[in-house]
Amino acid sequence: MRAPDLAFIDVARLMPFDPDLFIDAIHNSYAGERLRAWVFLRGLVPIVERHLKSGAWPRKVEASKKAAPAFKPRSITFACTGKS
């Protein structure tokens, strides 16, 4: 399935292969997570700026004419015997 208008941020390509940024072959260390978030943010900012400049964001949403549904709360009871 293709989504031609969907932006893709290739974070894995931009992450350095520094062993100090990983705790194992897959998972980032604390420093690695911070760097991954920074790389993602740097890729996300141009996308957001492009949408704001084009006027696509923010988009107007009409207020709903129907009231939100109301649900009747139900009570749940249970007996705790302390045995597993």
Protein backbone atom coordinates (compact mmCIF):
# COMPACT_ATOMS: atom_id res chain seq x y z
CA MET A 1 0.00 0.00 0.00
CA ARG A 2 1.37 3.39 -0.97
CA ALA A 3 0.58 6.76 0.50
CA PRO A 4 2.11 9.31 -1.91
CA ASP A 5 1.38 12.36 0.24
CA LEU A 6 2.63 10.82 3.48
CA ALA A 7 5.88 12.29 4.74
CA PHE A 8 8.60 9.87 5.81
CA ILE A 9 11.36 10.73 8.24
CA ASP A 10 14.21 8.22 7.90
CA VAL A 11 15.51 8.43 11.45
CA ALA A 12 17.45 5.15 11.26
CA ARG A 13 19.51 6.42 8.32
CA LEU A 14 20.46 9.58 10.21
CA MET A 15 21.36 7.88 13.50
CA PRO A 16 25.10 7.38 13.97
CA PHE A 17 26.36 3.84 14.58
CA ASP A 18 27.88 4.68 17.95
CA PRO A 19 27.75 1.79 20.45
CA ASP A 20 27.29 4.27 23.30
CA LEU A 21 23.88 5.16 21.86
CA PHE A 22 22.54 1.59 22.19
CA ILE A 23 22.08 -0.83 25.08
CA ASP A 24 21.84 -3.79 22.68
CA ALA A 25 21.54 -4.35 18.94
CA ILE A 26 18.11 -2.70 18.76
CA HIS A 27 17.32 -0.56 21.80
CA ASN A 28 18.68 2.92 22.40
CA SER A 29 20.34 4.08 25.57
CA TYR A 30 19.12 7.25 27.26
CA ALA A 31 21.52 9.32 25.16
CA GLY A 32 20.44 7.41 22.05
CA GLU A 33 16.76 8.13 22.71
CA ARG A 34 17.51 11.82 23.13
CA LEU A 35 19.44 11.89 19.87
CA ARG A 36 16.71 9.90 18.08
CA ALA A 37 14.11 12.44 19.30
CA TRP A 38 16.30 15.33 18.10
CA VAL A 39 16.75 13.74 14.66
CA PHE A 40 12.99 13.17 14.42
CA LEU A 41 12.22 16.75 15.46
CA ARG A 42 14.64 18.12 12.83
CA GLY A 43 12.80 16.09 10.21
CA LEU A 44 9.36 17.05 11.51
CA VAL A 45 9.84 20.83 11.64
CA PRO A 46 10.07 21.32 7.83
CA ILE A 47 6.93 19.21 7.36
CA VAL A 48 4.98 21.32 9.87
CA GLU A 49 6.32 24.55 8.36
CA ARG A 50 5.28 23.41 4.87
CA HIS A 51 1.73 22.63 6.05
CA LEU A 52 1.43 25.96 7.86
CA LYS A 53 2.76 27.91 4.87
CA SER A 54 0.38 26.19 2.44
CA GLY A 55 -2.61 26.87 4.69
CA ALA A 56 -3.40 23.17 5.09
CA TRP A 57 -2.91 23.56 8.86
CA PRO A 58 -4.72 24.55 10.96
CA ARG A 59 -7.86 23.40 9.29
CA LYS A 60 -11.24 24.65 10.38
CA VAL A 61 -13.48 22.13 12.08
CA GLU A 62 -17.15 22.84 12.32
CA ALA A 63 -18.68 22.60 15.75
CA SER A 64 -20.91 19.59 16.27
CA LYS A 65 -24.61 20.30 16.41
CA LYS A 66 -25.26 17.19 18.47
CA ALA A 67 -24.50 16.97 22.15
CA ALA A 68 -21.91 14.48 23.30
CA PRO A 69 -23.42 11.14 24.29
CA ALA A 70 -24.05 10.58 27.99
CA PHE A 71 -23.41 7.18 29.48
CA LYS A 72 -24.90 5.82 32.64
CA PRO A 73 -22.16 4.67 34.99
CA ARG A 74 -22.28 1.06 36.09
CA SER A 75 -21.15 -0.24 39.41
CA ILE A 76 -18.74 -3.15 39.60
CA THR A 77 -18.48 -5.20 42.75
CA PHE A 78 -16.05 -7.94 43.63
CA ALA A 79 -14.97 -9.92 46.66
CA CYS A 80 -11.33 -9.84 47.64
CA THR A 81 -10.47 -12.98 49.63
CA GLY A 82 -6.71 -12.51 49.60
CA LYS A 83 -6.12 -15.96 48.09
CA SER A 84 -4.39 -16.34 44.74
